[in-house]
Amino acid sequence: MQTPTDTPLYLAAELRLPTNWLDYTILAIYFIVVLGIGFAARRSVKTSLDFFLSGRSLPAWITGLAFISANLAATEILGMAANSAQYGAYTVHWYWIGAIPAMVFLGLVMMPFYYGSKVRSVPEFLLLRFDRAAHLLSSILFAFAAILIAGVNLYALAIVVEALLGWPQWVAIVVAGAFVLAYITLGGLSSAIYNEVLQFFVILAALIPITVLGLKKAGGWSGLTDKLTATHGHNFTTAWGGTGIGSVNPLGANWLTIVLGLGFVLSFGYWTTNFAEVQRALSAKNLSAGQRTPLIAAYPKIFIVFLVMIPGLVAAALVPKIGSSGSGLQYNDAIPYLMQELLPNGVLGIAVTGLLAAFMAGMAANVSSFNTVFTNDIWAKYVVRGREDTYYVRFGRLITAIGVAASVGTAFLASSFSNIMSYLQTLFSFFNVPMFVVFIVGMFWKRASAKSGFWGLLAGTVTAMVNYFVLYKKGIISIPSDQGANFVSAIAGFVAGAVVMVAVSFFTKPKPAQELQGLVYGTRSPGMAEPPAPGDEAWYRKPALLGWGAVVLAAACYIPFSF
């Protein structure tokens, strides 16, 4: 079986779509609406808080949909469909155990600390809990990661548009980058969020026809599973089959590495510390809305897996040798292949628009979080301090343009990965997991000293990179796949960061108790809103009820895939 790094990310040349004037009209209308939202949002930008956090004024349903849309980038759509074509039904783990518990934890446990402390970014929380060294290192690492991930979206968009529509790569890069730059520069985070809400529905309109027609083409669910069982074995259509320790399965990971590496370390590292997501919750109008943001997003996240997994399974059934030199198609070709084979004009235009919308949502989420962190956490804290508020709004717009330009420069780093989700998971294991261990130790252990944050973050990042680039890539340890290596790197980074934090804390002084109010679990800051009295909120506004409901529903979804 082809590994994710065997070939570069080029889609098959024969995947050119038969688009016509109707499809391009739909695409043009979408771009006009996107710019219109940017111009409309510009009127609400008066201060830096408006530009970077929408003035903390948005309702929970808006921020909830933006939260899931920012995650539902085309790298996820193409990447998870590629995962399904390569690994089968194991893809459900990235959603039901690799997302929902962490999203619920963010809403119920971490948002009161983020929102109550009035920070503008995730790294700023580390400044309050630890020291300037931890803050600066986390800001630099996050800014670097954001540009890398934005570059993945931009590069993948260029390759997909070239293959499907025949546009030269540079045209796709310039057009997409220019539109993202225009609407974020005009309206700041509000423009990005309202566009993400629009993009959420456009993406669904693209994926639903592909999924329904793909299932019909494969003979329904039973026909699809019969075909895959015959060509790939029974485990390909189950969630836990063959994941016993010592067993062989397509994913190359056992249940322990799935639960610990993906379900805990990678998942919690991404969802609780990735500012591209948390920023949407911080823009909510109050603490309750901020808590409900990831919880509202959890419900569509539970079911979106079917819209990306089923097309990948269908492609694996229709092209049994997909991903090998004998088929001419890579795993990343799953969605474009089905678009070409199944969709009529008009619907095809919606699908192309949805794919471009997904790329732009992913890129915009990372660019908007990058401009916030770079402006507030690097420039305003360490370079140019104490200037008037309008200066930082102007600088935020300037750094947005620089961020888009830098994304173009980093885009080609993704070219060595055939399965782009593997590349993203690698980045998450390097950058998000070490930050998560610093957060979790600092938030639940008062004794964690100010100095331990920096050294724990550094140790976790270096350990994850050494495990991947030295131990795995040089064959010192044997891991069956890149995804399995990502899980192991995440676990290694988490353990190393935690051990170093504990060791450093025993040799350095903790922060005074009065400075930890509202920053450590069990303490409250004066600015943290009091929870509503029992019965004061409707059931759909109760975070605990929403959170536990999402966990139970996700767990129930495993049942039909467990046998």
Protein backbone atom coordinates (compact mmCIF):
# COMPACT_ATOMS: atom_id res chain seq x y z
CA MET A 1 0.00 0.00 0.00
CA GLN A 2 1.30 3.47 -0.88
CA THR A 3 2.42 5.52 2.08
CA PRO A 4 1.41 9.19 2.40
CA THR A 5 4.87 10.44 1.42
CA ASP A 6 5.48 8.36 -1.68
CA THR A 7 4.35 10.95 -4.21
CA PRO A 8 3.75 14.69 -4.26
CA LEU A 9 0.33 16.31 -4.04
CA TYR A 10 -0.61 16.41 -7.73
CA LEU A 11 -4.07 15.37 -8.78
CA ALA A 12 -4.47 13.12 -11.79
CA ALA A 13 -4.38 15.00 -15.09
CA GLU A 14 -7.53 13.30 -16.38
CA LEU A 15 -9.69 14.82 -13.62
CA ARG A 16 -10.52 17.98 -15.62
CA LEU A 17 -14.16 18.91 -14.92
CA PRO A 18 -16.65 19.67 -17.74
CA THR A 19 -17.60 23.08 -16.34
CA ASN A 20 -19.68 25.56 -18.35
CA TRP A 21 -21.06 29.10 -18.07
CA LEU A 22 -23.59 28.09 -15.39
CA ASP A 23 -20.88 26.74 -13.10
CA TYR A 24 -18.74 29.86 -13.50
CA THR A 25 -21.75 32.09 -12.85
CA ILE A 26 -22.34 30.37 -9.51
CA LEU A 27 -18.66 30.79 -8.67
CA ALA A 28 -18.73 34.50 -9.59
CA ILE A 29 -21.81 35.12 -7.45
CA TYR A 30 -20.08 33.55 -4.48
CA PHE A 31 -17.00 35.77 -4.81
CA ILE A 32 -19.18 38.88 -5.09
CA VAL A 33 -21.06 37.96 -1.91
CA VAL A 34 -17.76 37.32 -0.08
CA LEU A 35 -16.49 40.81 -0.88
CA GLY A 36 -19.88 42.30 -0.03
CA ILE A 37 -19.67 40.80 3.46
CA GLY A 38 -16.20 42.30 3.86
CA PHE A 39 -17.43 45.79 2.93
CA ALA A 40 -20.46 45.45 5.23
CA ALA A 41 -18.31 44.34 8.17
CA ARG A 42 -15.90 47.24 7.68
CA ARG A 43 -18.45 49.68 9.13
CA SER A 44 -18.33 47.90 12.51
CA VAL A 45 -14.53 48.14 12.88
CA LYS A 46 -13.78 51.07 15.17
CA THR A 47 -11.18 49.65 17.59
CA SER A 48 -8.55 46.92 17.71
CA LEU A 49 -10.98 44.78 19.74
CA ASP A 50 -13.46 45.09 16.85
CA PHE A 51 -10.81 44.14 14.28
CA PHE A 52 -9.25 41.21 16.15
CA LEU A 53 -12.20 39.85 18.20
CA SER A 54 -15.36 41.35 16.62
CA GLY A 55 -15.80 43.50 19.72
CA ARG A 56 -16.80 40.35 21.66
CA SER A 57 -20.34 40.92 20.38
CA LEU A 58 -21.42 37.89 18.33
CA PRO A 59 -24.18 35.40 19.27
CA ALA A 60 -23.35 31.77 20.00
CA TRP A 61 -24.98 30.31 16.88
CA ILE A 62 -22.84 32.56 14.64
CA THR A 63 -19.59 31.78 16.44
CA GLY A 64 -20.54 28.08 16.66
CA LEU A 65 -21.00 27.75 12.90
CA ALA A 66 -17.84 29.79 12.27
CA PHE A 67 -15.97 27.51 14.70
CA ILE A 68 -16.82 24.37 12.72
CA SER A 69 -16.42 26.09 9.34
CA ALA A 70 -12.91 27.28 10.24
CA ASN A 71 -12.04 23.64 10.86
CA LEU A 72 -13.91 22.33 7.81
CA ALA A 73 -11.27 23.49 5.38
CA ALA A 74 -10.70 21.80 2.05
CA THR A 75 -7.58 20.22 3.51
CA GLU A 76 -9.95 18.38 5.83
CA ILE A 77 -12.41 17.55 3.03
CA LEU A 78 -9.75 16.25 0.67
CA GLY A 79 -7.59 14.91 3.49
CA MET A 80 -10.30 12.97 5.32
CA ALA A 81 -11.67 11.58 2.07
CA ALA A 82 -8.08 10.52 1.29
CA ASN A 83 -7.86 9.00 4.77
CA SER A 84 -11.01 6.99 4.10
CA ALA A 85 -9.81 5.78 0.71
CA GLN A 86 -6.53 4.72 2.33
CA TYR A 87 -7.55 3.56 5.81
CA GLY A 88 -11.30 2.92 5.55
CA ALA A 89 -13.81 3.49 8.34
CA TYR A 90 -11.02 4.21 10.83
CA THR A 91 -11.61 7.84 9.76
CA VAL A 92 -14.48 8.05 12.26
CA HIS A 93 -11.89 8.18 15.06
CA TRP A 94 -10.77 11.66 13.95
CA TYR A 95 -14.30 12.89 14.70
CA TRP A 96 -15.94 10.88 17.48
CA ILE A 97 -12.92 10.37 19.70
CA GLY A 98 -10.49 12.80 18.05
CA ALA A 99 -12.73 15.90 18.22
CA ILE A 100 -15.94 15.72 20.26
CA PRO A 101 -14.47 15.08 23.77
CA ALA A 102 -11.89 17.84 23.28
CA MET A 103 -14.50 20.32 21.98
CA VAL A 104 -16.66 19.60 25.02
CA PHE A 105 -13.65 20.01 27.33
CA LEU A 106 -12.86 23.36 25.71
CA GLY A 107 -16.42 24.59 26.22
CA LEU A 108 -17.01 23.34 29.75
CA VAL A 109 -13.56 23.63 31.34
CA MET A 110 -11.23 25.94 29.42
CA MET A 111 -13.48 28.70 28.04
CA PRO A 112 -14.24 30.13 31.52
CA PHE A 113 -10.48 30.70 31.94
CA TYR A 114 -9.94 32.06 28.43
CA TYR A 115 -12.99 34.32 28.41
CA GLY A 116 -12.95 35.25 32.10
CA SER A 117 -9.32 36.40 31.97
CA LYS A 118 -10.20 38.72 29.03
CA VAL A 119 -7.18 37.59 26.99
CA ARG A 120 -7.15 38.34 23.27
CA SER A 121 -5.27 35.19 22.30
CA VAL A 122 -4.19 31.78 23.53
CA PRO A 123 -0.50 32.79 23.97
CA GLU A 124 -1.60 35.76 26.08
CA PHE A 125 -3.06 33.32 28.61
CA LEU A 126 0.42 31.81 28.98
CA LEU A 127 1.78 35.28 29.73
CA LEU A 128 -0.62 35.58 32.67
CA ARG A 129 -0.09 32.03 33.95
CA PHE A 130 3.68 31.71 33.38
CA ASP A 131 6.10 34.40 32.16
CA ARG A 132 7.24 36.42 29.15
CA ALA A 133 9.56 33.65 27.91
CA ALA A 134 6.71 31.13 27.66
CA HIS A 135 4.51 33.77 26.06
CA LEU A 136 7.04 34.80 23.41
CA LEU A 137 7.97 31.23 22.49
CA SER A 138 4.33 30.16 22.20
CA SER A 139 3.52 33.26 20.11
CA ILE A 140 6.37 32.57 17.69
CA LEU A 141 5.51 28.87 17.39
CA PHE A 142 1.84 29.59 16.83
CA ALA A 143 2.47 32.32 14.24
CA PHE A 144 4.83 30.00 12.36
CA ALA A 145 2.34 27.11 12.47
CA ALA A 146 -0.54 29.33 11.33
CA ILE A 147 1.38 30.41 8.24
CA LEU A 148 2.37 26.82 7.45
CA ILE A 149 -1.24 25.61 7.70
CA ALA A 150 -2.55 28.57 5.66
CA GLY A 151 0.07 27.64 3.07
CA VAL A 152 -1.24 24.07 2.96
CA ASN A 153 -4.69 25.38 2.08
CA LEU A 154 -3.35 27.73 -0.57
CA TYR A 155 -1.11 25.15 -2.21
CA ALA A 156 -3.80 22.49 -2.21
CA LEU A 157 -6.26 24.97 -3.72
CA ALA A 158 -3.87 25.78 -6.55
CA ILE A 159 -3.30 22.11 -7.37
CA VAL A 160 -7.00 21.26 -7.25
CA VAL A 161 -8.08 24.24 -9.35
CA GLU A 162 -5.38 23.52 -11.94
CA ALA A 163 -6.48 19.89 -12.24
CA LEU A 164 -10.24 20.49 -12.18
CA LEU A 165 -10.66 23.80 -14.00
CA GLY A 166 -7.43 24.18 -15.94
CA TRP A 167 -6.42 27.45 -14.30
CA PRO A 168 -2.64 27.93 -13.92
CA GLN A 169 -1.47 27.49 -10.34
CA TRP A 170 -0.35 31.09 -9.98
CA VAL A 171 -3.81 32.35 -11.03
CA ALA A 172 -5.55 30.23 -8.37
CA ILE A 173 -3.06 31.35 -5.70
CA VAL A 174 -3.38 35.05 -6.59
CA VAL A 175 -7.20 35.00 -6.85
CA ALA A 176 -7.81 33.09 -3.60
CA GLY A 177 -5.13 34.98 -1.68
CA ALA A 178 -6.45 38.34 -2.93
CA PHE A 179 -10.04 37.60 -1.87
CA VAL A 180 -9.01 36.35 1.58
CA LEU A 181 -6.74 39.37 2.01
CA ALA A 182 -9.51 41.75 0.88
CA TYR A 183 -12.28 40.62 3.19
CA ILE A 184 -10.09 40.17 6.29
CA THR A 185 -8.35 43.51 5.75
CA LEU A 186 -11.69 45.24 5.27
CA GLY A 187 -13.76 43.77 8.07
CA GLY A 188 -11.31 41.98 10.35
CA LEU A 189 -12.51 38.94 12.27
CA SER A 190 -16.20 39.82 11.82
CA SER A 191 -15.81 39.56 8.05
CA ALA A 192 -13.99 36.23 8.39
CA ILE A 193 -16.63 34.83 10.75
CA TYR A 194 -19.67 35.87 8.72
CA ASN A 195 -18.03 34.51 5.58
CA GLU A 196 -17.32 31.25 7.44
CA VAL A 197 -21.03 30.92 8.27
CA LEU A 198 -21.83 31.34 4.57
CA GLN A 199 -19.05 28.93 3.65
CA PHE A 200 -20.41 26.29 6.04
CA PHE A 201 -23.67 26.04 4.11
CA VAL A 202 -21.93 26.22 0.72
CA ILE A 203 -19.64 23.35 1.76
CA LEU A 204 -22.62 21.24 2.84
CA ALA A 205 -24.34 21.97 -0.48
CA ALA A 206 -21.22 20.64 -2.22
CA LEU A 207 -20.70 17.50 -0.12
CA ILE A 208 -24.26 16.20 0.20
CA PRO A 209 -24.83 15.54 -3.56
CA ILE A 210 -21.41 13.84 -3.83
CA THR A 211 -22.21 11.58 -0.87
CA VAL A 212 -25.75 10.67 -1.98
CA LEU A 213 -24.87 10.04 -5.63
CA GLY A 214 -21.70 8.18 -4.62
CA LEU A 215 -23.66 5.81 -2.40
CA LYS A 216 -26.16 5.23 -5.18
CA LYS A 217 -23.34 4.49 -7.63
CA ALA A 218 -21.83 1.93 -5.21
CA GLY A 219 -25.13 0.13 -4.64
CA GLY A 220 -26.11 1.69 -1.31
CA TRP A 221 -24.39 1.17 2.02
CA SER A 222 -24.68 -2.62 1.90
CA GLY A 223 -23.36 -2.75 -1.65
CA LEU A 224 -20.48 -0.43 -0.70
CA THR A 225 -19.45 -2.48 2.35
CA ASP A 226 -19.70 -5.74 0.38
CA LYS A 227 -17.36 -4.39 -2.31
CA LEU A 228 -14.86 -3.06 0.21
CA THR A 229 -14.90 -6.21 2.30
CA ALA A 230 -14.14 -8.26 -0.81
CA THR A 231 -11.25 -6.03 -1.93
CA HIS A 232 -9.85 -4.64 1.34
CA GLY A 233 -10.95 -7.07 4.04
CA HIS A 234 -13.52 -6.83 6.84
CA ASN A 235 -11.51 -4.43 9.02
CA PHE A 236 -11.67 -1.73 6.34
CA THR A 237 -15.33 -1.03 7.15
CA THR A 238 -15.10 -1.21 10.96
CA ALA A 239 -13.87 1.31 13.51
CA TRP A 240 -12.01 -1.02 15.89
CA GLY A 241 -11.39 -4.17 13.86
CA GLY A 242 -7.75 -5.24 13.92
CA THR A 243 -6.71 -2.57 16.42
CA GLY A 244 -5.62 -5.01 19.12
CA ILE A 245 -2.05 -4.54 20.33
CA GLY A 246 0.18 -6.52 17.97
CA SER A 247 -2.53 -6.77 15.28
CA VAL A 248 -2.11 -5.50 11.71
CA ASN A 249 -4.56 -2.98 10.28
CA PRO A 250 -4.57 -0.40 7.44
CA LEU A 251 -4.05 2.51 9.84
CA GLY A 252 -0.91 1.06 11.40
CA ALA A 253 -2.05 1.96 14.93
CA ASN A 254 -3.54 -0.03 17.79
CA TRP A 255 -6.39 0.99 20.09
CA LEU A 256 -3.98 2.38 22.70
CA THR A 257 -2.24 4.77 20.31
CA ILE A 258 -5.63 5.75 18.84
CA VAL A 259 -7.08 6.55 22.27
CA LEU A 260 -3.99 8.23 23.75
CA GLY A 261 -2.28 9.64 20.66
CA LEU A 262 -5.32 10.79 18.69
CA GLY A 263 -8.18 10.82 21.19
CA PHE A 264 -6.29 12.61 23.94
CA VAL A 265 -2.98 14.21 23.03
CA LEU A 266 -3.46 15.30 19.39
CA SER A 267 -7.17 16.03 19.78
CA PHE A 268 -7.00 18.04 22.99
CA GLY A 269 -3.84 19.74 21.78
CA TYR A 270 -5.58 20.95 18.64
CA TRP A 271 -9.06 21.87 19.85
CA THR A 272 -8.13 23.53 23.14
CA THR A 273 -5.06 25.57 22.15
CA ASN A 274 -5.41 26.21 18.42
CA PHE A 275 -6.18 29.92 18.35
CA ALA A 276 -7.68 29.70 14.86
CA GLU A 277 -10.56 27.88 16.59
CA VAL A 278 -10.53 29.47 20.07
CA GLN A 279 -10.58 32.95 18.53
CA ARG A 280 -14.14 32.30 17.31
CA ALA A 281 -15.28 31.50 20.85
CA LEU A 282 -13.50 34.55 22.27
CA SER A 283 -15.51 36.77 19.90
CA ALA A 284 -18.82 35.65 21.47
CA LYS A 285 -20.89 38.26 23.32
CA ASN A 286 -20.59 36.74 26.81
CA LEU A 287 -19.12 33.80 28.70
CA SER A 288 -22.17 31.59 28.18
CA ALA A 289 -22.06 32.19 24.43
CA GLY A 290 -18.31 31.57 24.43
CA GLN A 291 -18.78 28.23 26.20
CA ARG A 292 -21.58 27.19 23.86
CA THR A 293 -19.54 28.02 20.74
CA PRO A 294 -17.55 24.73 20.58
CA LEU A 295 -20.52 22.78 21.96
CA ILE A 296 -22.85 23.98 19.20
CA ALA A 297 -20.11 23.16 16.69
CA ALA A 298 -19.79 19.63 18.11
CA TYR A 299 -23.19 18.53 16.80
CA PRO A 300 -22.55 19.08 13.07
CA LYS A 301 -19.01 17.76 13.61
CA ILE A 302 -20.48 14.40 14.69
CA PHE A 303 -22.24 13.93 11.34
CA ILE A 304 -19.87 15.68 8.92
CA VAL A 305 -17.67 12.59 9.06
CA PHE A 306 -20.19 10.80 6.85
CA LEU A 307 -19.91 13.52 4.18
CA VAL A 308 -16.12 13.10 3.92
CA MET A 309 -15.74 9.42 4.77
CA ILE A 310 -18.36 7.96 2.42
CA PRO A 311 -16.90 9.63 -0.73
CA GLY A 312 -13.49 8.21 0.20
CA LEU A 313 -14.97 4.73 0.68
CA VAL A 314 -16.88 5.00 -2.60
CA ALA A 315 -13.69 5.97 -4.43
CA ALA A 316 -11.89 2.99 -2.88
CA ALA A 317 -14.73 0.70 -4.04
CA LEU A 318 -14.94 2.09 -7.58
CA VAL A 319 -11.14 2.28 -8.02
CA PRO A 320 -9.80 -0.63 -5.91
CA LYS A 321 -6.17 0.23 -6.65
CA ILE A 322 -6.48 3.94 -5.84
CA GLY A 323 -3.25 5.24 -4.35
CA SER A 324 -1.08 2.81 -6.32
CA SER A 325 0.74 3.32 -9.59
CA GLY A 326 -1.69 0.94 -11.30
CA SER A 327 -4.74 3.22 -10.97
CA GLY A 328 -3.36 6.63 -11.94
CA LEU A 329 -5.27 8.16 -9.00
CA GLN A 330 -3.96 9.21 -5.60
CA TYR A 331 -5.93 9.10 -2.37
CA ASN A 332 -6.38 12.87 -2.58
CA ASP A 333 -8.20 12.36 -5.89
CA ALA A 334 -11.23 10.76 -4.20
CA ILE A 335 -13.48 13.85 -4.03
CA PRO A 336 -12.44 15.35 -7.42
CA TYR A 337 -12.90 11.93 -9.07
CA LEU A 338 -16.47 11.65 -7.80
CA MET A 339 -17.21 15.25 -8.80
CA GLN A 340 -16.13 14.45 -12.34
CA GLU A 341 -18.02 11.16 -12.50
CA LEU A 342 -21.28 12.02 -10.77
CA LEU A 343 -22.22 15.70 -10.85
CA PRO A 344 -24.15 17.48 -13.63
CA ASN A 345 -23.49 21.13 -14.54
CA GLY A 346 -24.97 23.54 -12.03
CA VAL A 347 -24.51 21.05 -9.21
CA LEU A 348 -20.90 20.83 -10.37
CA GLY A 349 -20.61 24.61 -10.02
CA ILE A 350 -21.91 24.40 -6.45
CA ALA A 351 -19.40 21.64 -5.67
CA VAL A 352 -16.47 23.64 -7.10
CA THR A 353 -17.65 26.71 -5.19
CA GLY A 354 -17.91 24.64 -2.01
CA LEU A 355 -14.39 23.33 -2.46
CA LEU A 356 -13.01 26.84 -3.01
CA ALA A 357 -15.06 28.11 -0.06
CA ALA A 358 -13.54 25.41 2.14
CA PHE A 359 -10.00 26.34 1.08
CA MET A 360 -10.69 30.01 1.76
CA ALA A 361 -12.30 29.26 5.15
CA GLY A 362 -9.25 27.31 6.28
CA MET A 363 -6.83 29.91 5.03
CA ALA A 364 -8.82 32.83 6.46
CA ALA A 365 -9.06 31.19 9.89
CA ASN A 366 -5.30 30.83 10.10
CA VAL A 367 -4.52 34.25 8.62
CA SER A 368 -6.94 36.03 10.99
CA SER A 369 -5.49 34.21 14.01
CA PHE A 370 -1.95 34.93 12.76
CA ASN A 371 -2.57 38.69 12.48
CA THR A 372 -4.03 38.76 16.01
CA VAL A 373 -1.15 36.88 17.62
CA PHE A 374 1.57 38.70 15.69
CA THR A 375 0.07 42.14 16.37
CA ASN A 376 -0.98 41.74 20.02
CA ASP A 377 1.47 39.14 21.32
CA ILE A 378 4.67 39.95 19.43
CA TRP A 379 4.58 43.44 17.95
CA ALA A 380 2.63 45.29 20.67
CA LYS A 381 4.28 43.43 23.56
CA TYR A 382 7.93 43.31 22.46
CA VAL A 383 8.57 45.63 19.48
CA VAL A 384 6.39 48.76 19.45
CA ARG A 385 4.67 49.22 22.81
CA GLY A 386 2.24 51.83 24.08
CA ARG A 387 1.01 53.25 20.78
CA GLU A 388 -2.54 54.45 20.16
CA ASP A 389 -5.21 51.87 19.34
CA THR A 390 -5.62 52.99 15.71
CA TYR A 391 -1.94 52.24 15.10
CA TYR A 392 -2.43 48.57 15.96
CA VAL A 393 -5.51 48.34 13.72
CA ARG A 394 -3.42 49.70 10.83
CA PHE A 395 -0.59 47.34 11.67
CA GLY A 396 -3.05 44.43 11.87
CA ARG A 397 -4.13 45.13 8.32
CA LEU A 398 -0.52 45.36 7.17
CA ILE A 399 0.50 42.09 8.85
CA THR A 400 -2.52 40.42 7.25
CA ALA A 401 -1.05 41.22 3.83
CA ILE A 402 2.34 39.97 4.97
CA GLY A 403 0.74 36.79 6.32
CA VAL A 404 -0.97 36.06 3.00
CA ALA A 405 2.32 36.63 1.16
CA ALA A 406 4.14 34.34 3.60
CA SER A 407 1.46 31.67 3.08
CA VAL A 408 2.31 31.66 -0.61
CA GLY A 409 5.96 31.13 0.29
CA THR A 410 5.26 28.21 2.63
CA ALA A 411 2.68 26.54 0.37
CA PHE A 412 5.16 24.35 -1.44
CA LEU A 413 6.39 22.72 1.78
CA ALA A 414 3.26 20.57 1.56
CA SER A 415 4.20 19.20 -1.86
CA SER A 416 5.93 16.07 -0.54
CA PHE A 417 2.74 14.71 1.04
CA SER A 418 0.23 12.74 -1.01
CA ASN A 419 -2.12 12.55 1.99
CA ILE A 420 -2.32 16.17 3.12
CA MET A 421 -4.06 15.20 6.37
CA SER A 422 -0.86 13.40 7.37
CA TYR A 423 1.06 16.63 6.88
CA LEU A 424 -1.43 18.59 9.02
CA GLN A 425 -1.39 15.98 11.77
CA THR A 426 2.42 16.19 11.75
CA LEU A 427 2.25 19.96 12.26
CA PHE A 428 -0.29 19.54 15.09
CA SER A 429 1.97 17.04 16.88
CA PHE A 430 4.86 19.55 16.69
CA PHE A 431 3.06 22.75 17.68
CA ASN A 432 -0.32 22.13 19.34
CA VAL A 433 0.47 19.17 21.57
CA PRO A 434 3.39 20.78 23.47
CA MET A 435 1.28 23.91 24.01
CA PHE A 436 -1.56 21.76 25.33
CA VAL A 437 0.61 20.05 27.95
CA VAL A 438 1.77 23.45 29.21
CA PHE A 439 -1.85 24.59 29.45
CA ILE A 440 -3.14 21.48 31.14
CA VAL A 441 -0.36 21.31 33.75
CA GLY A 442 -0.51 25.04 34.45
CA MET A 443 -4.29 25.09 34.65
CA PHE A 444 -4.63 22.16 37.05
CA TRP A 445 -1.44 22.39 39.16
CA LYS A 446 -0.85 25.52 41.21
CA ARG A 447 2.76 24.50 41.94
CA ALA A 448 3.76 24.74 38.26
CA SER A 449 6.30 27.55 38.30
CA ALA A 450 6.58 30.51 35.94
CA LYS A 451 9.77 29.11 34.40
CA SER A 452 8.28 25.65 33.77
CA GLY A 453 6.04 26.91 30.95
CA PHE A 454 8.90 27.87 28.66
CA TRP A 455 10.98 24.74 29.28
CA GLY A 456 7.98 22.39 29.02
CA LEU A 457 6.93 23.95 25.71
CA LEU A 458 10.47 23.77 24.33
CA ALA A 459 11.01 20.16 25.48
CA GLY A 460 7.69 18.95 24.06
CA THR A 461 8.27 20.59 20.67
CA VAL A 462 11.84 19.30 20.31
CA THR A 463 10.91 15.77 21.44
CA ALA A 464 8.03 15.50 18.95
CA MET A 465 10.30 16.66 16.11
CA VAL A 466 13.13 14.32 17.08
CA ASN A 467 10.76 11.36 17.26
CA TYR A 468 9.37 12.09 13.78
CA PHE A 469 12.42 13.27 11.83
CA VAL A 470 15.12 11.16 13.51
CA LEU A 471 13.66 8.05 15.13
CA TYR A 472 10.87 7.42 12.59
CA LYS A 473 12.18 8.86 9.32
CA LYS A 474 15.64 7.31 9.75
CA GLY A 475 14.14 3.93 10.62
CA ILE A 476 15.49 3.74 14.17
CA ILE A 477 12.01 2.77 15.33
CA SER A 478 9.53 0.90 13.14
CA ILE A 479 6.07 2.48 12.75
CA PRO A 480 3.81 1.22 9.92
CA SER A 481 2.51 4.60 8.69
CA ASP A 482 2.93 8.37 8.91
CA GLN A 483 -0.33 8.64 10.85
CA GLY A 484 0.92 6.11 13.38
CA ALA A 485 4.15 8.10 13.66
CA ASN A 486 2.15 11.27 14.30
CA PHE A 487 0.33 9.57 17.17
CA VAL A 488 3.61 8.40 18.71
CA SER A 489 5.23 11.83 18.23
CA ALA A 490 2.28 13.47 19.96
CA ILE A 491 2.49 11.10 22.94
CA ALA A 492 6.27 11.57 23.19
CA GLY A 493 5.97 15.37 23.05
CA PHE A 494 3.23 15.38 25.69
CA VAL A 495 5.14 13.14 28.10
CA ALA A 496 8.42 15.04 27.65
CA GLY A 497 6.74 18.41 28.18
CA ALA A 498 4.95 17.23 31.32
CA VAL A 499 8.06 15.62 32.83
CA VAL A 500 10.20 18.71 32.21
CA MET A 501 7.52 21.02 33.66
CA VAL A 502 7.31 18.97 36.84
CA ALA A 503 11.12 18.79 37.19
CA VAL A 504 11.63 22.52 36.59
CA SER A 505 8.79 23.41 38.98
CA PHE A 506 10.51 21.59 41.87
CA PHE A 507 13.66 23.69 41.38
CA THR A 508 12.04 27.09 40.78
CA LYS A 509 9.57 29.24 42.69
CA PRO A 510 5.82 29.09 41.95
CA LYS A 511 3.90 32.29 41.23
CA PRO A 512 2.17 33.94 44.21
CA ALA A 513 -1.32 32.61 44.85
CA GLN A 514 -2.94 36.01 44.25
CA GLU A 515 -1.53 36.09 40.70
CA LEU A 516 -3.16 32.75 39.87
CA GLN A 517 -6.76 33.80 40.53
CA GLY A 518 -8.87 32.87 37.52
CA LEU A 519 -5.94 31.09 35.87
CA VAL A 520 -5.91 27.80 37.80
CA TYR A 521 -8.79 25.38 38.16
CA GLY A 522 -10.71 26.00 41.38
CA THR A 523 -9.98 29.74 41.48
CA ARG A 524 -12.01 32.65 40.15
CA SER A 525 -10.94 36.09 38.98
CA PRO A 526 -13.01 39.21 39.75
CA GLY A 527 -13.75 39.60 36.03
CA MET A 528 -15.08 36.08 35.57
CA ALA A 529 -18.85 36.06 35.20
CA GLU A 530 -20.83 34.16 37.81
CA PRO A 531 -22.65 31.07 36.53
CA PRO A 532 -26.41 31.48 36.12
CA ALA A 533 -28.63 30.24 38.92
CA PRO A 534 -30.42 26.91 38.31
CA GLY A 535 -33.44 27.42 36.11
CA ASP A 536 -32.32 30.84 34.84
CA GLU A 537 -31.38 29.48 31.41
CA ALA A 538 -33.31 27.54 28.82
CA TRP A 539 -32.02 24.00 28.26
CA TYR A 540 -30.39 24.90 24.95
CA ARG A 541 -28.33 27.56 26.71
CA LYS A 542 -26.93 25.22 29.34
CA PRO A 543 -23.35 24.30 28.38
CA ALA A 544 -23.21 21.17 30.55
CA LEU A 545 -26.34 19.70 28.96
CA LEU A 546 -25.13 20.50 25.44
CA GLY A 547 -21.67 19.08 26.15
CA TRP A 548 -22.70 15.77 27.65
CA GLY A 549 -25.34 15.34 24.96
CA ALA A 550 -22.65 15.65 22.28
CA VAL A 551 -20.41 13.09 24.02
CA VAL A 552 -23.25 10.55 24.36
CA LEU A 553 -24.32 11.03 20.74
CA ALA A 554 -20.76 10.59 19.45
CA ALA A 555 -20.31 7.44 21.53
CA ALA A 556 -23.59 6.01 20.19
CA CYS A 557 -22.41 6.57 16.61
CA TYR A 558 -19.62 4.03 17.19
CA ILE A 559 -22.07 1.16 17.71
CA PRO A 560 -22.82 0.28 14.04
CA PHE A 561 -19.10 0.52 13.15
CA SER A 562 -17.87 -1.72 15.95
CA PHE A 563 -18.70 -5.14 14.52
